[in-house]
Amino acid sequence: MRHLVSIVLLPGIVVGWIPLSIARRYHTTITPPGNAVDVALVLSGIVLLGIGAALFVSSLHRFVVEGHGTLAPWDPPRQLVVRGPYRYVRNPMISGVVFLLAAEAALLRSQPHALWAVGFLVINMIYIPLLEEPMLAMRFGREYDEYRRHVRRFLPRLRPWEGRAERVV
């Protein structure tokens, strides 16, 4: 139940309620592609949707199974998760959500939705280093510091980090 609540409240609002509100505000509807640019946007939206869903689901699964927590700040993982997509980038869940928002913008061919995707990314580019990372450093200490030295915040590594990836720390 606690996982369902965190999913409904956080990504449900970011990827569901806010984009729906934007669509209503700007009278955005799903329309078939009318030209080659629209077809390209829809096809790229489908790809972005797949990438975003895979990152989000994989990250969420790792938080639950390995971290023994949820994606919610009020019930965070109790163990530092450094396997799966976390071996490549420190914030794959946020990356997944950004991909999902970009997919919505592309599929709907909606500038207001694209602005929301960029806005969400900017918010997290500020929030994560200023608030989230200091809390993780306090909670997980040297192990998080080691992880942070080897795995970048948003730009994925080309090869997975092998450090402590063999166990959940």
N, C-alpha and C. Protein backbone atom coordinates (compact mmCIF):
# COMPACT_ATOMS: atom_id res chain seq x y z
N MET A 1 0.82 -1.20 0.00
CA MET A 1 0.00 0.00 0.00
C MET A 1 0.86 1.26 0.00
N ARG A 2 1.97 1.23 0.78
CA ARG A 2 2.81 2.43 0.84
C ARG A 2 3.47 2.71 -0.50
N HIS A 3 3.75 1.67 -1.31
CA HIS A 3 4.32 1.87 -2.63
C HIS A 3 3.28 2.49 -3.57
N LEU A 4 2.06 2.00 -3.48
CA LEU A 4 0.98 2.53 -4.33
C LEU A 4 0.74 4.01 -4.03
N VAL A 5 0.72 4.36 -2.76
CA VAL A 5 0.50 5.76 -2.37
C VAL A 5 1.61 6.64 -2.93
N SER A 6 2.87 6.20 -2.79
CA SER A 6 3.98 7.02 -3.29
C SER A 6 3.94 7.16 -4.80
N ILE A 7 3.55 6.12 -5.52
CA ILE A 7 3.47 6.18 -6.98
C ILE A 7 2.33 7.10 -7.42
N VAL A 8 1.19 6.99 -6.77
CA VAL A 8 0.07 7.84 -7.13
C VAL A 8 0.37 9.30 -6.82
N LEU A 9 0.97 9.56 -5.66
CA LEU A 9 1.20 10.95 -5.26
C LEU A 9 2.34 11.62 -6.02
N LEU A 10 3.40 10.91 -6.32
CA LEU A 10 4.55 11.58 -6.93
C LEU A 10 4.53 11.48 -8.46
N PRO A 11 4.89 10.36 -9.06
CA PRO A 11 4.86 10.33 -10.52
C PRO A 11 3.44 10.45 -11.08
N GLY A 12 2.46 10.02 -10.31
CA GLY A 12 1.07 10.16 -10.78
C GLY A 12 0.69 11.62 -11.00
N ILE A 13 1.17 12.47 -10.11
CA ILE A 13 0.90 13.91 -10.26
C ILE A 13 1.76 14.49 -11.38
N VAL A 14 3.06 14.16 -11.37
CA VAL A 14 4.00 14.74 -12.33
C VAL A 14 3.72 14.30 -13.77
N VAL A 15 3.45 13.01 -13.96
CA VAL A 15 3.28 12.48 -15.31
C VAL A 15 1.80 12.37 -15.70
N GLY A 16 0.91 12.41 -14.72
CA GLY A 16 -0.51 12.26 -15.01
C GLY A 16 -1.32 13.53 -14.83
N TRP A 17 -1.46 13.95 -13.59
CA TRP A 17 -2.36 15.06 -13.30
C TRP A 17 -1.92 16.38 -13.93
N ILE A 18 -0.65 16.74 -13.78
CA ILE A 18 -0.17 18.01 -14.35
C ILE A 18 -0.28 18.01 -15.88
N PRO A 19 0.21 16.96 -16.58
CA PRO A 19 0.03 16.96 -18.04
C PRO A 19 -1.45 16.98 -18.47
N LEU A 20 -2.31 16.32 -17.72
CA LEU A 20 -3.74 16.37 -18.03
C LEU A 20 -4.27 17.79 -17.85
N SER A 21 -3.84 18.44 -16.80
CA SER A 21 -4.24 19.83 -16.57
C SER A 21 -3.73 20.74 -17.68
N ILE A 22 -2.52 20.52 -18.13
CA ILE A 22 -1.97 21.29 -19.24
C ILE A 22 -2.79 21.05 -20.50
N ALA A 23 -3.11 19.79 -20.77
CA ALA A 23 -3.91 19.46 -21.96
C ALA A 23 -5.27 20.15 -21.91
N ARG A 24 -5.89 20.13 -20.76
CA ARG A 24 -7.19 20.81 -20.63
C ARG A 24 -7.05 22.31 -20.82
N ARG A 25 -6.04 22.89 -20.20
CA ARG A 25 -5.83 24.34 -20.27
C ARG A 25 -5.58 24.82 -21.70
N TYR A 26 -4.81 24.03 -22.46
CA TYR A 26 -4.45 24.42 -23.82
C TYR A 26 -5.25 23.68 -24.89
N HIS A 27 -6.28 22.96 -24.46
CA HIS A 27 -7.16 22.24 -25.39
C HIS A 27 -6.37 21.29 -26.31
N THR A 28 -5.42 20.60 -25.70
CA THR A 28 -4.58 19.65 -26.42
C THR A 28 -5.30 18.31 -26.51
N THR A 29 -5.35 17.76 -27.70
CA THR A 29 -5.98 16.46 -27.89
C THR A 29 -5.03 15.56 -28.68
N ILE A 30 -5.29 14.29 -28.62
CA ILE A 30 -4.52 13.33 -29.40
C ILE A 30 -5.06 13.37 -30.83
N THR A 31 -4.17 13.67 -31.76
CA THR A 31 -4.56 13.72 -33.17
C THR A 31 -3.60 12.88 -33.98
N PRO A 32 -4.08 12.31 -35.08
CA PRO A 32 -3.17 11.53 -35.92
C PRO A 32 -2.13 12.46 -36.57
N PRO A 33 -0.94 11.93 -36.82
CA PRO A 33 0.08 12.76 -37.45
C PRO A 33 -0.36 13.21 -38.84
N GLY A 34 -0.12 14.49 -39.15
CA GLY A 34 -0.58 15.05 -40.42
C GLY A 34 0.51 15.20 -41.45
N ASN A 35 1.78 15.10 -41.03
CA ASN A 35 2.88 15.25 -41.99
C ASN A 35 4.09 14.49 -41.47
N ALA A 36 5.19 14.57 -42.20
CA ALA A 36 6.39 13.80 -41.86
C ALA A 36 6.97 14.22 -40.50
N VAL A 37 6.91 15.50 -40.20
CA VAL A 37 7.42 15.97 -38.90
C VAL A 37 6.59 15.38 -37.78
N ASP A 38 5.27 15.38 -37.93
CA ASP A 38 4.40 14.79 -36.92
C ASP A 38 4.68 13.30 -36.74
N VAL A 39 4.89 12.60 -37.85
CA VAL A 39 5.20 11.16 -37.78
C VAL A 39 6.51 10.96 -37.01
N ALA A 40 7.52 11.78 -37.31
CA ALA A 40 8.80 11.67 -36.61
C ALA A 40 8.64 11.94 -35.11
N LEU A 41 7.82 12.95 -34.77
CA LEU A 41 7.59 13.26 -33.36
C LEU A 41 6.88 12.11 -32.65
N VAL A 42 5.89 11.54 -33.30
CA VAL A 42 5.15 10.42 -32.69
C VAL A 42 6.06 9.21 -32.52
N LEU A 43 6.85 8.90 -33.54
CA LEU A 43 7.77 7.77 -33.42
C LEU A 43 8.81 8.00 -32.34
N SER A 44 9.35 9.22 -32.27
CA SER A 44 10.31 9.50 -31.20
C SER A 44 9.62 9.45 -29.84
N GLY A 45 8.37 9.89 -29.77
CA GLY A 45 7.61 9.80 -28.53
C GLY A 45 7.44 8.37 -28.06
N ILE A 46 7.22 7.47 -28.99
CA ILE A 46 7.07 6.05 -28.64
C ILE A 46 8.38 5.51 -28.07
N VAL A 47 9.50 5.88 -28.70
CA VAL A 47 10.82 5.45 -28.21
C VAL A 47 11.08 6.03 -26.82
N LEU A 48 10.82 7.33 -26.66
CA LEU A 48 11.03 7.97 -25.36
C LEU A 48 10.15 7.34 -24.28
N LEU A 49 8.94 7.00 -24.63
CA LEU A 49 8.01 6.35 -23.69
C LEU A 49 8.58 5.01 -23.22
N GLY A 50 9.11 4.23 -24.16
CA GLY A 50 9.70 2.94 -23.79
C GLY A 50 10.91 3.09 -22.88
N ILE A 51 11.79 4.03 -23.22
CA ILE A 51 12.99 4.27 -22.39
C ILE A 51 12.58 4.76 -21.00
N GLY A 52 11.67 5.73 -20.97
CA GLY A 52 11.24 6.28 -19.69
C GLY A 52 10.58 5.25 -18.80
N ALA A 53 9.70 4.45 -19.38
CA ALA A 53 9.01 3.42 -18.60
C ALA A 53 10.00 2.38 -18.07
N ALA A 54 10.96 1.97 -18.92
CA ALA A 54 11.95 0.99 -18.49
C ALA A 54 12.80 1.52 -17.34
N LEU A 55 13.26 2.76 -17.46
CA LEU A 55 14.07 3.35 -16.39
C LEU A 55 13.27 3.49 -15.10
N PHE A 56 12.05 3.99 -15.22
CA PHE A 56 11.24 4.20 -14.03
C PHE A 56 10.92 2.88 -13.34
N VAL A 57 10.45 1.91 -14.09
CA VAL A 57 10.05 0.62 -13.49
C VAL A 57 11.26 -0.10 -12.89
N SER A 58 12.38 -0.09 -13.61
CA SER A 58 13.59 -0.73 -13.08
C SER A 58 14.06 -0.06 -11.80
N SER A 59 14.05 1.28 -11.79
CA SER A 59 14.48 2.01 -10.59
C SER A 59 13.54 1.75 -9.42
N LEU A 60 12.26 1.78 -9.68
CA LEU A 60 11.27 1.53 -8.64
C LEU A 60 11.44 0.12 -8.07
N HIS A 61 11.64 -0.85 -8.94
CA HIS A 61 11.85 -2.23 -8.51
C HIS A 61 13.08 -2.33 -7.60
N ARG A 62 14.17 -1.66 -7.97
CA ARG A 62 15.39 -1.68 -7.16
C ARG A 62 15.14 -1.03 -5.80
N PHE A 63 14.39 0.08 -5.78
CA PHE A 63 14.09 0.74 -4.50
C PHE A 63 13.33 -0.21 -3.57
N VAL A 64 12.39 -0.95 -4.12
CA VAL A 64 11.56 -1.83 -3.31
C VAL A 64 12.35 -3.06 -2.85
N VAL A 65 12.94 -3.78 -3.80
CA VAL A 65 13.56 -5.07 -3.51
C VAL A 65 14.91 -4.92 -2.80
N GLU A 66 15.74 -4.00 -3.28
CA GLU A 66 17.09 -3.88 -2.72
C GLU A 66 17.18 -2.79 -1.65
N GLY A 67 16.47 -1.69 -1.87
CA GLY A 67 16.56 -0.57 -0.93
C GLY A 67 15.60 -0.67 0.23
N HIS A 68 14.58 -1.54 0.11
CA HIS A 68 13.57 -1.73 1.15
C HIS A 68 12.87 -0.43 1.51
N GLY A 69 12.53 0.35 0.48
CA GLY A 69 11.82 1.61 0.68
C GLY A 69 11.02 1.96 -0.55
N THR A 70 10.57 3.19 -0.60
CA THR A 70 9.77 3.66 -1.73
C THR A 70 10.48 4.84 -2.38
N LEU A 71 9.87 5.37 -3.42
CA LEU A 71 10.42 6.56 -4.07
C LEU A 71 10.06 7.83 -3.32
N ALA A 72 9.23 7.73 -2.32
CA ALA A 72 8.78 8.90 -1.58
C ALA A 72 9.83 9.38 -0.57
N PRO A 73 10.03 10.69 -0.48
CA PRO A 73 10.99 11.21 0.51
C PRO A 73 10.63 10.87 1.95
N TRP A 74 9.35 10.65 2.23
CA TRP A 74 8.94 10.32 3.60
C TRP A 74 9.12 8.83 3.92
N ASP A 75 9.45 8.00 2.90
CA ASP A 75 9.69 6.57 3.11
C ASP A 75 10.79 6.12 2.16
N PRO A 76 12.01 6.69 2.28
CA PRO A 76 13.06 6.41 1.31
C PRO A 76 13.66 5.01 1.51
N PRO A 77 14.42 4.56 0.52
CA PRO A 77 15.12 3.28 0.68
C PRO A 77 16.03 3.31 1.91
N ARG A 78 16.08 2.18 2.59
CA ARG A 78 16.89 2.08 3.80
C ARG A 78 18.32 1.66 3.47
N GLN A 79 18.49 1.12 2.27
CA GLN A 79 19.81 0.71 1.78
C GLN A 79 20.11 1.50 0.52
N LEU A 80 21.37 1.88 0.34
CA LEU A 80 21.80 2.59 -0.86
C LEU A 80 21.76 1.62 -2.04
N VAL A 81 21.04 1.99 -3.07
CA VAL A 81 20.90 1.14 -4.25
C VAL A 81 21.93 1.59 -5.28
N VAL A 82 22.80 0.67 -5.70
CA VAL A 82 23.85 1.00 -6.66
C VAL A 82 23.94 -0.05 -7.77
N ARG A 83 22.88 -0.80 -8.00
CA ARG A 83 22.87 -1.82 -9.05
C ARG A 83 21.87 -1.43 -10.12
N GLY A 84 21.81 -2.23 -11.17
CA GLY A 84 20.88 -1.95 -12.27
C GLY A 84 21.24 -0.63 -12.93
N PRO A 85 20.25 0.19 -13.23
CA PRO A 85 20.55 1.46 -13.90
C PRO A 85 21.36 2.41 -13.04
N TYR A 86 21.39 2.18 -11.73
CA TYR A 86 22.17 3.03 -10.82
C TYR A 86 23.67 2.82 -11.01
N ARG A 87 24.07 1.80 -11.74
CA ARG A 87 25.48 1.60 -12.05
C ARG A 87 25.95 2.56 -13.14
N TYR A 88 24.99 3.16 -13.85
CA TYR A 88 25.31 4.07 -14.95
C TYR A 88 25.09 5.54 -14.60
N VAL A 89 24.06 5.81 -13.82
CA VAL A 89 23.69 7.19 -13.51
C VAL A 89 23.04 7.21 -12.14
N ARG A 90 23.24 8.29 -11.37
CA ARG A 90 22.74 8.33 -10.00
C ARG A 90 21.23 8.57 -9.91
N ASN A 91 20.62 9.10 -10.94
CA ASN A 91 19.20 9.46 -10.88
C ASN A 91 18.39 8.87 -12.02
N PRO A 92 18.43 7.54 -12.20
CA PRO A 92 17.69 6.97 -13.33
C PRO A 92 16.17 7.12 -13.21
N MET A 93 15.65 7.20 -11.99
CA MET A 93 14.21 7.36 -11.85
C MET A 93 13.77 8.73 -12.36
N ILE A 94 14.50 9.77 -11.99
CA ILE A 94 14.19 11.11 -12.48
C ILE A 94 14.38 11.16 -13.99
N SER A 95 15.44 10.53 -14.48
CA SER A 95 15.66 10.46 -15.93
C SER A 95 14.48 9.79 -16.61
N GLY A 96 14.00 8.70 -16.01
CA GLY A 96 12.84 8.02 -16.57
C GLY A 96 11.62 8.91 -16.63
N VAL A 97 11.38 9.67 -15.58
CA VAL A 97 10.23 10.58 -15.56
C VAL A 97 10.41 11.67 -16.62
N VAL A 98 11.61 12.20 -16.77
CA VAL A 98 11.86 13.22 -17.80
C VAL A 98 11.60 12.63 -19.19
N PHE A 99 12.05 11.40 -19.42
CA PHE A 99 11.77 10.74 -20.70
C PHE A 99 10.26 10.58 -20.91
N LEU A 100 9.53 10.21 -19.85
CA LEU A 100 8.08 10.07 -19.98
C LEU A 100 7.42 11.41 -20.31
N LEU A 101 7.86 12.49 -19.67
CA LEU A 101 7.31 13.81 -19.95
C LEU A 101 7.64 14.25 -21.38
N ALA A 102 8.87 13.96 -21.82
CA ALA A 102 9.25 14.29 -23.20
C ALA A 102 8.42 13.46 -24.18
N ALA A 103 8.15 12.21 -23.82
CA ALA A 103 7.30 11.36 -24.67
C ALA A 103 5.90 11.95 -24.81
N GLU A 104 5.34 12.40 -23.70
CA GLU A 104 4.01 13.03 -23.76
C GLU A 104 4.03 14.25 -24.68
N ALA A 105 5.05 15.07 -24.54
CA ALA A 105 5.16 16.27 -25.38
C ALA A 105 5.26 15.89 -26.86
N ALA A 106 6.07 14.88 -27.15
CA ALA A 106 6.25 14.48 -28.55
C ALA A 106 4.98 13.82 -29.10
N LEU A 107 4.38 12.92 -28.34
CA LEU A 107 3.18 12.23 -28.81
C LEU A 107 2.01 13.20 -29.03
N LEU A 108 1.91 14.17 -28.15
CA LEU A 108 0.84 15.18 -28.28
C LEU A 108 1.25 16.34 -29.18
N ARG A 109 2.56 16.40 -29.49
CA ARG A 109 3.11 17.50 -30.28
C ARG A 109 2.70 18.82 -29.65
N SER A 110 3.02 18.93 -28.35
CA SER A 110 2.55 20.03 -27.52
C SER A 110 3.71 20.80 -26.90
N GLN A 111 3.81 22.07 -27.25
CA GLN A 111 4.84 22.92 -26.67
C GLN A 111 4.64 23.12 -25.16
N PRO A 112 3.42 23.34 -24.67
CA PRO A 112 3.26 23.46 -23.22
C PRO A 112 3.72 22.21 -22.46
N HIS A 113 3.51 21.05 -23.02
CA HIS A 113 3.98 19.82 -22.38
C HIS A 113 5.51 19.75 -22.42
N ALA A 114 6.11 20.20 -23.51
CA ALA A 114 7.57 20.23 -23.60
C ALA A 114 8.15 21.19 -22.56
N LEU A 115 7.49 22.31 -22.37
CA LEU A 115 7.95 23.26 -21.35
C LEU A 115 7.84 22.66 -19.95
N TRP A 116 6.79 21.91 -19.70
CA TRP A 116 6.66 21.22 -18.40
C TRP A 116 7.80 20.21 -18.22
N ALA A 117 8.16 19.47 -19.27
CA ALA A 117 9.26 18.50 -19.18
C ALA A 117 10.56 19.22 -18.84
N VAL A 118 10.84 20.33 -19.50
CA VAL A 118 12.05 21.10 -19.23
C VAL A 118 11.99 21.68 -17.82
N GLY A 119 10.84 22.20 -17.43
CA GLY A 119 10.69 22.75 -16.09
C GLY A 119 10.93 21.71 -15.01
N PHE A 120 10.39 20.52 -15.20
CA PHE A 120 10.60 19.44 -14.23
C PHE A 120 12.08 19.09 -14.14
N LEU A 121 12.76 19.03 -15.29
CA LEU A 121 14.20 18.74 -15.30
C LEU A 121 14.97 19.82 -14.53
N VAL A 122 14.65 21.09 -14.78
CA VAL A 122 15.34 22.19 -14.10
C VAL A 122 15.11 22.13 -12.59
N ILE A 123 13.87 21.88 -12.20
CA ILE A 123 13.56 21.75 -10.77
C ILE A 123 14.45 20.69 -10.12
N ASN A 124 14.59 19.55 -10.79
CA ASN A 124 15.40 18.47 -10.22
C ASN A 124 16.89 18.75 -10.30
N MET A 125 17.31 19.53 -11.29
CA MET A 125 18.72 19.91 -11.37
C MET A 125 19.10 20.84 -10.22
N ILE A 126 18.13 21.48 -9.65
CA ILE A 126 18.36 22.34 -8.48
C ILE A 126 18.15 21.55 -7.19
N TYR A 127 17.03 20.82 -7.10
CA TYR A 127 16.66 20.10 -5.88
C TYR A 127 17.67 19.01 -5.51
N ILE A 128 18.07 18.22 -6.49
CA ILE A 128 18.91 17.05 -6.19
C ILE A 128 20.24 17.44 -5.55
N PRO A 129 21.04 18.35 -6.16
CA PRO A 129 22.31 18.67 -5.49
C PRO A 129 22.16 19.49 -4.21
N LEU A 130 21.13 20.29 -4.12
CA LEU A 130 20.99 21.14 -2.93
C LEU A 130 20.36 20.44 -1.74
N LEU A 131 19.42 19.54 -1.98
CA LEU A 131 18.70 18.90 -0.87
C LEU A 131 18.87 17.39 -0.81
N GLU A 132 18.64 16.71 -1.91
CA GLU A 132 18.63 15.25 -1.87
C GLU A 132 20.02 14.67 -1.62
N GLU A 133 21.02 15.13 -2.35
CA GLU A 133 22.35 14.55 -2.19
C GLU A 133 22.95 14.77 -0.80
N PRO A 134 22.80 15.96 -0.20
CA PRO A 134 23.30 16.10 1.18
C PRO A 134 22.61 15.14 2.16
N MET A 135 21.31 14.90 1.96
CA MET A 135 20.61 13.95 2.83
C MET A 135 21.14 12.53 2.63
N LEU A 136 21.40 12.15 1.37
CA LEU A 136 21.96 10.83 1.09
C LEU A 136 23.36 10.69 1.69
N ALA A 137 24.15 11.75 1.59
CA ALA A 137 25.50 11.72 2.17
C ALA A 137 25.43 11.54 3.68
N MET A 138 24.49 12.21 4.33
CA MET A 138 24.34 12.05 5.79
C MET A 138 23.87 10.64 6.13
N ARG A 139 22.95 10.10 5.34
CA ARG A 139 22.37 8.80 5.65
C ARG A 139 23.32 7.65 5.35
N PHE A 140 24.07 7.74 4.23
CA PHE A 140 24.88 6.59 3.81
C PHE A 140 26.38 6.81 3.90
N GLY A 141 26.80 8.01 4.25
CA GLY A 141 28.21 8.29 4.54
C GLY A 141 29.19 8.01 3.42
N ARG A 142 30.30 7.37 3.80
CA ARG A 142 31.40 7.13 2.85
C ARG A 142 30.98 6.30 1.65
N GLU A 143 30.07 5.38 1.85
CA GLU A 143 29.65 4.54 0.73
C GLU A 143 28.98 5.39 -0.36
N TYR A 144 28.17 6.36 0.06
CA TYR A 144 27.54 7.24 -0.93
C TYR A 144 28.58 8.16 -1.56
N ASP A 145 29.54 8.63 -0.77
CA ASP A 145 30.59 9.49 -1.31
C ASP A 145 31.40 8.76 -2.38
N GLU A 146 31.71 7.49 -2.12
CA GLU A 146 32.44 6.69 -3.11
C GLU A 146 31.60 6.53 -4.37
N TYR A 147 30.36 6.20 -4.20
CA TYR A 147 29.45 6.05 -5.35
C TYR A 147 29.37 7.35 -6.14
N ARG A 148 29.21 8.45 -5.45
CA ARG A 148 29.08 9.77 -6.08
C ARG A 148 30.35 10.15 -6.86
N ARG A 149 31.50 9.73 -6.38
CA ARG A 149 32.75 10.03 -7.10
C ARG A 149 32.83 9.30 -8.43
N HIS A 150 32.16 8.16 -8.54
CA HIS A 150 32.30 7.32 -9.74
C HIS A 150 31.11 7.38 -10.69
N VAL A 151 29.95 7.76 -10.21
CA VAL A 151 28.75 7.75 -11.05
C VAL A 151 28.18 9.17 -11.09
N ARG A 152 28.01 9.68 -12.30
CA ARG A 152 27.53 11.05 -12.45
C ARG A 152 26.05 11.18 -12.14
N ARG A 153 25.65 12.40 -11.82
CA ARG A 153 24.29 12.72 -11.41
C ARG A 153 23.27 12.47 -12.53
N PHE A 154 23.50 13.03 -13.71
CA PHE A 154 22.51 12.95 -14.79
C PHE A 154 23.05 12.34 -16.07
N LEU A 155 24.32 12.52 -16.35
CA LEU A 155 24.91 12.02 -17.59
C LEU A 155 25.42 10.60 -17.36
N PRO A 156 24.83 9.62 -18.04
CA PRO A 156 25.20 8.22 -17.77
C PRO A 156 26.64 7.89 -18.18
N ARG A 157 27.21 6.96 -17.47
CA ARG A 157 28.51 6.40 -17.83
C ARG A 157 28.32 5.51 -19.05
N LEU A 158 29.39 5.32 -19.81
CA LEU A 158 29.31 4.40 -20.95
C LEU A 158 29.36 2.95 -20.50
N ARG A 159 30.14 2.70 -19.45
CA ARG A 159 30.24 1.35 -18.89
C ARG A 159 29.76 1.38 -17.45
N PRO A 160 29.17 0.30 -16.97
CA PRO A 160 28.65 0.30 -15.60
C PRO A 160 29.77 0.40 -14.57
N TRP A 161 29.46 1.11 -13.48
CA TRP A 161 30.40 1.18 -12.37
C TRP A 161 30.44 -0.17 -11.69
N GLU A 162 31.63 -0.67 -11.45
CA GLU A 162 31.80 -2.00 -10.86
C GLU A 162 32.06 -1.94 -9.38
N GLY A 163 32.38 -0.81 -8.82
CA GLY A 163 32.70 -0.65 -7.41
C GLY A 163 31.95 -1.57 -6.48
N ARG A 164 31.00 -1.04 -5.78
CA ARG A 164 30.24 -1.82 -4.82
C ARG A 164 28.96 -2.32 -5.44
N ALA A 165 28.92 -2.39 -6.76
CA ALA A 165 27.71 -2.81 -7.45
C ALA A 165 27.39 -4.28 -7.24
N GLU A 166 28.33 -5.03 -6.73
CA GLU A 166 28.07 -6.45 -6.51
C GLU A 166 27.19 -6.72 -5.30
N ARG A 167 27.00 -5.69 -4.48
CA ARG A 167 26.10 -5.85 -3.34
C ARG A 167 25.38 -4.53 -3.11
N VAL A 168 24.30 -4.60 -2.42
CA VAL A 168 23.57 -3.38 -2.07
C VAL A 168 24.18 -2.86 -0.79
N VAL A 169 24.59 -1.60 -0.80
CA VAL A 169 25.21 -1.01 0.39
C VAL A 169 24.33 0.07 0.95
